[in-house]
Amino acid sequence: MIQIAADGAPIAAHVSWTLYPGGDEIAYLRADPVLIGPFGAIHLRFSSAEGATKQETSQLVYLDTTRPFFGGTRPWFICPIESGSEPCGRRVGILYLPPNASHFGCRACWDLTYASCRASHRYDRMFEELARLKPGATAASMRDFLQGAPRWT
């Protein structure tokens, strides 16, 4: 599912970041299409600068497509992160590069969650600790007790 220009060449993309217009490049991302496999791949080249050190990384990401019921095709990335000796292989719409990471991967591989999910569970550990102090209590019962929920006995 690689876009082809009118002259038959695959279309590449390049994005760069500077601190101010016309300033030195502090990071870049280049995506070059690669015509391999049934749906192709994207060769990602990216860099970031920390102080005077510039780190450059390269990664190959395979593509896949599905056919939705309403017609057309939907492109997907295949997550390239390896856990152990096997690649993740999840079909995802977005790949992430968390801070201090060296490769793109899916939400599951990077254990990423939404802010609302983290906010709703921010006191779970406290309730678990309180439940350990009271014999027979559970984290849920301590949460209900402290939040004023009706107690059924």
C-alpha atoms as a PDB file:
ATOM      1  CA  MET A   1       0.000   0.000   0.000  1.00  0.00           C
ATOM      2  CA  ILE A   2       2.785   2.387  -0.922  1.00  0.00           C
ATOM      3  CA  GLN A   3       1.837   5.507  -2.845  1.00  0.00           C
ATOM      4  CA  ILE A   4       3.468   5.736  -6.242  1.00  0.00           C
ATOM      5  CA  ALA A   5       4.150   9.035  -7.972  1.00  0.00           C
ATOM      6  CA  ALA A   6       3.188   9.637 -11.593  1.00  0.00           C
ATOM      7  CA  ASP A   7       6.722   8.740 -12.712  1.00  0.00           C
ATOM      8  CA  GLY A   8       6.492   5.332 -10.981  1.00  0.00           C
ATOM      9  CA  ALA A   9       8.767   6.143  -8.027  1.00  0.00           C
ATOM     10  CA  PRO A  10       7.617   5.520  -4.425  1.00  0.00           C
ATOM     11  CA  ILE A  11       6.832   8.699  -2.457  1.00  0.00           C
ATOM     12  CA  ALA A  12       9.087   9.460   0.539  1.00  0.00           C
ATOM     13  CA  ALA A  13       8.438  11.858   3.422  1.00  0.00           C
ATOM     14  CA  HIS A  14      10.844  13.981   5.478  1.00  0.00           C
ATOM     15  CA  VAL A  15      10.091  16.106   8.555  1.00  0.00           C
ATOM     16  CA  SER A  16      12.628  18.087  10.556  1.00  0.00           C
ATOM     17  CA  TRP A  17      12.464  20.109  13.775  1.00  0.00           C
ATOM     18  CA  THR A  18      14.375  23.257  14.700  1.00  0.00           C
ATOM     19  CA  LEU A  19      14.316  25.401  17.824  1.00  0.00           C
ATOM     20  CA  TYR A  20      13.442  28.464  15.758  1.00  0.00           C
ATOM     21  CA  PRO A  21      12.846  29.199  12.058  1.00  0.00           C
ATOM     22  CA  GLY A  22      16.101  28.943  10.139  1.00  0.00           C
ATOM     23  CA  GLY A  23      17.904  27.376  13.114  1.00  0.00           C
ATOM     24  CA  ASP A  24      19.928  24.208  13.260  1.00  0.00           C
ATOM     25  CA  GLU A  25      18.066  20.934  12.850  1.00  0.00           C
ATOM     26  CA  ILE A  26      17.620  19.236  16.242  1.00  0.00           C
ATOM     27  CA  ALA A  27      15.667  16.174  15.038  1.00  0.00           C
ATOM     28  CA  TYR A  28      14.321  14.627  11.856  1.00  0.00           C
ATOM     29  CA  LEU A  29      12.159  11.753  10.653  1.00  0.00           C
ATOM     30  CA  ARG A  30      12.460  10.320   7.170  1.00  0.00           C
ATOM     31  CA  ALA A  31      10.113   7.630   5.840  1.00  0.00           C
ATOM     32  CA  ASP A  32      11.268   5.849   2.683  1.00  0.00           C
ATOM     33  CA  PRO A  33       8.946   3.299   1.073  1.00  0.00           C
ATOM     34  CA  VAL A  34      10.421  -0.126   0.426  1.00  0.00           C
ATOM     35  CA  LEU A  35       8.841  -2.449  -2.122  1.00  0.00           C
ATOM     36  CA  ILE A  36       9.141  -5.794  -0.283  1.00  0.00           C
ATOM     37  CA  GLY A  37       6.569  -8.254   0.983  1.00  0.00           C
ATOM     38  CA  PRO A  38       2.946  -8.331  -0.122  1.00  0.00           C
ATOM     39  CA  PHE A  39       2.127  -4.769   1.029  1.00  0.00           C
ATOM     40  CA  GLY A  40       5.541  -3.132   1.275  1.00  0.00           C
ATOM     41  CA  ALA A  41       7.355  -1.579   4.177  1.00  0.00           C
ATOM     42  CA  ILE A  42       8.604   1.781   5.389  1.00  0.00           C
ATOM     43  CA  HIS A  43      12.236   2.384   6.249  1.00  0.00           C
ATOM     44  CA  LEU A  44      12.213   4.929   9.097  1.00  0.00           C
ATOM     45  CA  ARG A  45      15.316   6.994   9.742  1.00  0.00           C
ATOM     46  CA  PHE A  46      15.204   9.386  12.637  1.00  0.00           C
ATOM     47  CA  SER A  47      17.472  11.366  14.879  1.00  0.00           C
ATOM     48  CA  SER A  48      17.308  13.379  18.029  1.00  0.00           C
ATOM     49  CA  ALA A  49      19.839  15.608  19.700  1.00  0.00           C
ATOM     50  CA  GLU A  50      20.578  15.710  23.399  1.00  0.00           C
ATOM     51  CA  GLY A  51      23.027  18.525  24.000  1.00  0.00           C
ATOM     52  CA  ALA A  52      25.876  18.174  21.534  1.00  0.00           C
ATOM     53  CA  THR A  53      25.186  14.463  20.897  1.00  0.00           C
ATOM     54  CA  LYS A  54      23.042  13.523  17.912  1.00  0.00           C
ATOM     55  CA  GLN A  55      21.710   9.975  17.850  1.00  0.00           C
ATOM     56  CA  GLU A  56      20.589   8.494  14.526  1.00  0.00           C
ATOM     57  CA  THR A  57      18.478   5.338  14.287  1.00  0.00           C
ATOM     58  CA  SER A  58      17.036   3.268  11.471  1.00  0.00           C
ATOM     59  CA  GLN A  59      14.076   0.877  11.583  1.00  0.00           C
ATOM     60  CA  LEU A  60      12.132  -1.191   9.034  1.00  0.00           C
ATOM     61  CA  VAL A  61       8.340  -1.328   9.562  1.00  0.00           C
ATOM     62  CA  TYR A  62       6.220  -3.688   7.469  1.00  0.00           C
ATOM     63  CA  LEU A  63       2.763  -2.706   6.235  1.00  0.00           C
ATOM     64  CA  ASP A  64      -0.507  -4.632   5.930  1.00  0.00           C
ATOM     65  CA  THR A  65      -4.001  -3.841   4.666  1.00  0.00           C
ATOM     66  CA  THR A  66      -7.522  -4.990   5.420  1.00  0.00           C
ATOM     67  CA  ARG A  67     -10.761  -4.564   3.514  1.00  0.00           C
ATOM     68  CA  PRO A  68     -13.470  -2.970   5.685  1.00  0.00           C
ATOM     69  CA  PHE A  69     -17.099  -4.030   5.099  1.00  0.00           C
ATOM     70  CA  PHE A  70     -17.931  -0.607   3.637  1.00  0.00           C
ATOM     71  CA  GLY A  71     -15.325  -0.969   0.880  1.00  0.00           C
ATOM     72  CA  GLY A  72     -11.859   0.313   0.141  1.00  0.00           C
ATOM     73  CA  THR A  73      -8.685  -0.683   1.967  1.00  0.00           C
ATOM     74  CA  ARG A  74      -7.311   0.270   5.364  1.00  0.00           C
ATOM     75  CA  PRO A  75      -3.514   0.425   5.801  1.00  0.00           C
ATOM     76  CA  TRP A  76      -1.820  -0.808   8.991  1.00  0.00           C
ATOM     77  CA  PHE A  77       1.672  -0.822  10.459  1.00  0.00           C
ATOM     78  CA  ILE A  78       3.010  -4.132  11.777  1.00  0.00           C
ATOM     79  CA  CYS A  79       4.636  -3.442  15.164  1.00  0.00           C
ATOM     80  CA  PRO A  80       8.384  -4.180  14.801  1.00  0.00           C
ATOM     81  CA  ILE A  81       9.318  -4.311  18.504  1.00  0.00           C
ATOM     82  CA  GLU A  82      10.834  -7.645  19.515  1.00  0.00           C
ATOM     83  CA  SER A  83      10.119  -9.198  22.900  1.00  0.00           C
ATOM     84  CA  GLY A  84      12.498 -12.085  23.404  1.00  0.00           C
ATOM     85  CA  SER A  85      13.193 -13.594  20.000  1.00  0.00           C
ATOM     86  CA  GLU A  86       9.792 -12.915  18.400  1.00  0.00           C
ATOM     87  CA  PRO A  87       8.527  -9.630  16.944  1.00  0.00           C
ATOM     88  CA  CYS A  88       5.277  -8.260  18.384  1.00  0.00           C
ATOM     89  CA  GLY A  89       3.547  -8.347  14.991  1.00  0.00           C
ATOM     90  CA  ARG A  90       0.396  -6.467  16.083  1.00  0.00           C
ATOM     91  CA  ARG A  91      -1.461  -4.667  13.319  1.00  0.00           C
ATOM     92  CA  VAL A  92      -1.755  -1.043  14.501  1.00  0.00           C
ATOM     93  CA  GLY A  93      -2.733   2.323  13.075  1.00  0.00           C
ATOM     94  CA  ILE A  94      -0.206   4.338  15.091  1.00  0.00           C
ATOM     95  CA  LEU A  95       3.368   3.660  16.163  1.00  0.00           C
ATOM     96  CA  TYR A  96       4.812   5.513  19.166  1.00  0.00           C
ATOM     97  CA  LEU A  97       8.297   6.689  20.091  1.00  0.00           C
ATOM     98  CA  PRO A  98       8.256   7.442  23.838  1.00  0.00           C
ATOM     99  CA  PRO A  99      10.882   9.709  25.409  1.00  0.00           C
ATOM    100  CA  ASN A 100      14.316   8.040  25.622  1.00  0.00           C
ATOM    101  CA  ALA A 101      13.190   5.166  23.364  1.00  0.00           C
ATOM    102  CA  SER A 102      15.262   4.152  20.363  1.00  0.00           C
ATOM    103  CA  HIS A 103      12.562   2.476  18.232  1.00  0.00           C
ATOM    104  CA  PHE A 104       8.928   2.954  17.274  1.00  0.00           C
ATOM    105  CA  GLY A 105       6.402   0.443  18.649  1.00  0.00           C
ATOM    106  CA  CYS A 106       2.741  -0.070  19.506  1.00  0.00           C
ATOM    107  CA  ARG A 107       0.968   1.036  22.709  1.00  0.00           C
ATOM    108  CA  ALA A 108       1.033  -2.487  24.127  1.00  0.00           C
ATOM    109  CA  CYS A 109       4.792  -2.935  23.652  1.00  0.00           C
ATOM    110  CA  TRP A 110       5.550   0.407  25.272  1.00  0.00           C
ATOM    111  CA  ASP A 111       2.902  -0.165  27.989  1.00  0.00           C
ATOM    112  CA  LEU A 112       1.300   3.189  27.195  1.00  0.00           C
ATOM    113  CA  THR A 113      -2.050   4.188  28.680  1.00  0.00           C
ATOM    114  CA  TYR A 114      -4.364   7.136  28.368  1.00  0.00           C
ATOM    115  CA  ALA A 115      -4.158   9.891  31.011  1.00  0.00           C
ATOM    116  CA  SER A 116      -7.774   9.251  32.034  1.00  0.00           C
ATOM    117  CA  CYS A 117      -6.945   5.599  32.748  1.00  0.00           C
ATOM    118  CA  ARG A 118      -3.980   6.562  34.929  1.00  0.00           C
ATOM    119  CA  ALA A 119      -6.104   9.130  36.781  1.00  0.00           C
ATOM    120  CA  SER A 120      -8.876   6.646  37.548  1.00  0.00           C
ATOM    121  CA  HIS A 121      -6.399   4.169  39.072  1.00  0.00           C
ATOM    122  CA  ARG A 122      -4.044   6.541  40.839  1.00  0.00           C
ATOM    123  CA  TYR A 123      -5.143   5.428  44.346  1.00  0.00           C
ATOM    124  CA  ASP A 124      -5.285   1.678  43.675  1.00  0.00           C
ATOM    125  CA  ARG A 125      -1.931   0.988  45.340  1.00  0.00           C
ATOM    126  CA  MET A 126      -2.985   2.893  48.472  1.00  0.00           C
ATOM    127  CA  PHE A 127      -6.192   0.826  48.758  1.00  0.00           C
ATOM    128  CA  GLU A 128      -4.200  -2.394  48.316  1.00  0.00           C
ATOM    129  CA  GLU A 129      -1.820  -1.361  51.121  1.00  0.00           C
ATOM    130  CA  LEU A 130      -4.727  -0.499  53.421  1.00  0.00           C
ATOM    131  CA  ALA A 131      -6.357  -3.864  52.676  1.00  0.00           C
ATOM    132  CA  ARG A 132      -3.187  -5.654  53.796  1.00  0.00           C
ATOM    133  CA  LEU A 133      -3.454  -3.957  57.188  1.00  0.00           C
ATOM    134  CA  LYS A 134      -7.022  -5.185  57.847  1.00  0.00           C
ATOM    135  CA  PRO A 135      -7.531  -8.967  57.819  1.00  0.00           C
ATOM    136  CA  GLY A 136     -10.199 -10.077  55.349  1.00  0.00           C
ATOM    137  CA  ALA A 137     -10.355  -6.726  53.566  1.00  0.00           C
ATOM    138  CA  THR A 138      -9.885  -6.244  49.850  1.00  0.00           C
ATOM    139  CA  ALA A 139      -8.748  -3.189  47.927  1.00  0.00           C
ATOM    140  CA  ALA A 140     -12.307  -2.754  46.607  1.00  0.00           C
ATOM    141  CA  SER A 141     -13.834  -2.912  50.090  1.00  0.00           C
ATOM    142  CA  MET A 142     -11.334  -0.345  51.419  1.00  0.00           C
ATOM    143  CA  ARG A 143     -12.063   1.961  48.472  1.00  0.00           C
ATOM    144  CA  ASP A 144     -15.819   1.689  49.037  1.00  0.00           C
ATOM    145  CA  PHE A 145     -15.433   2.265  52.783  1.00  0.00           C
ATOM    146  CA  LEU A 146     -13.224   5.325  52.424  1.00  0.00           C
ATOM    147  CA  GLN A 147     -15.252   6.849  49.598  1.00  0.00           C
ATOM    148  CA  GLY A 148     -18.468   6.601  51.604  1.00  0.00           C
ATOM    149  CA  ALA A 149     -20.178   3.910  49.541  1.00  0.00           C
ATOM    150  CA  PRO A 150     -22.952   2.004  51.334  1.00  0.00           C
ATOM    151  CA  ARG A 151     -21.631  -1.093  53.069  1.00  0.00           C
ATOM    152  CA  TRP A 152     -23.666  -4.262  52.938  1.00  0.00           C
ATOM    153  CA  THR A 153     -23.177  -6.610  55.869  1.00  0.00           C
END
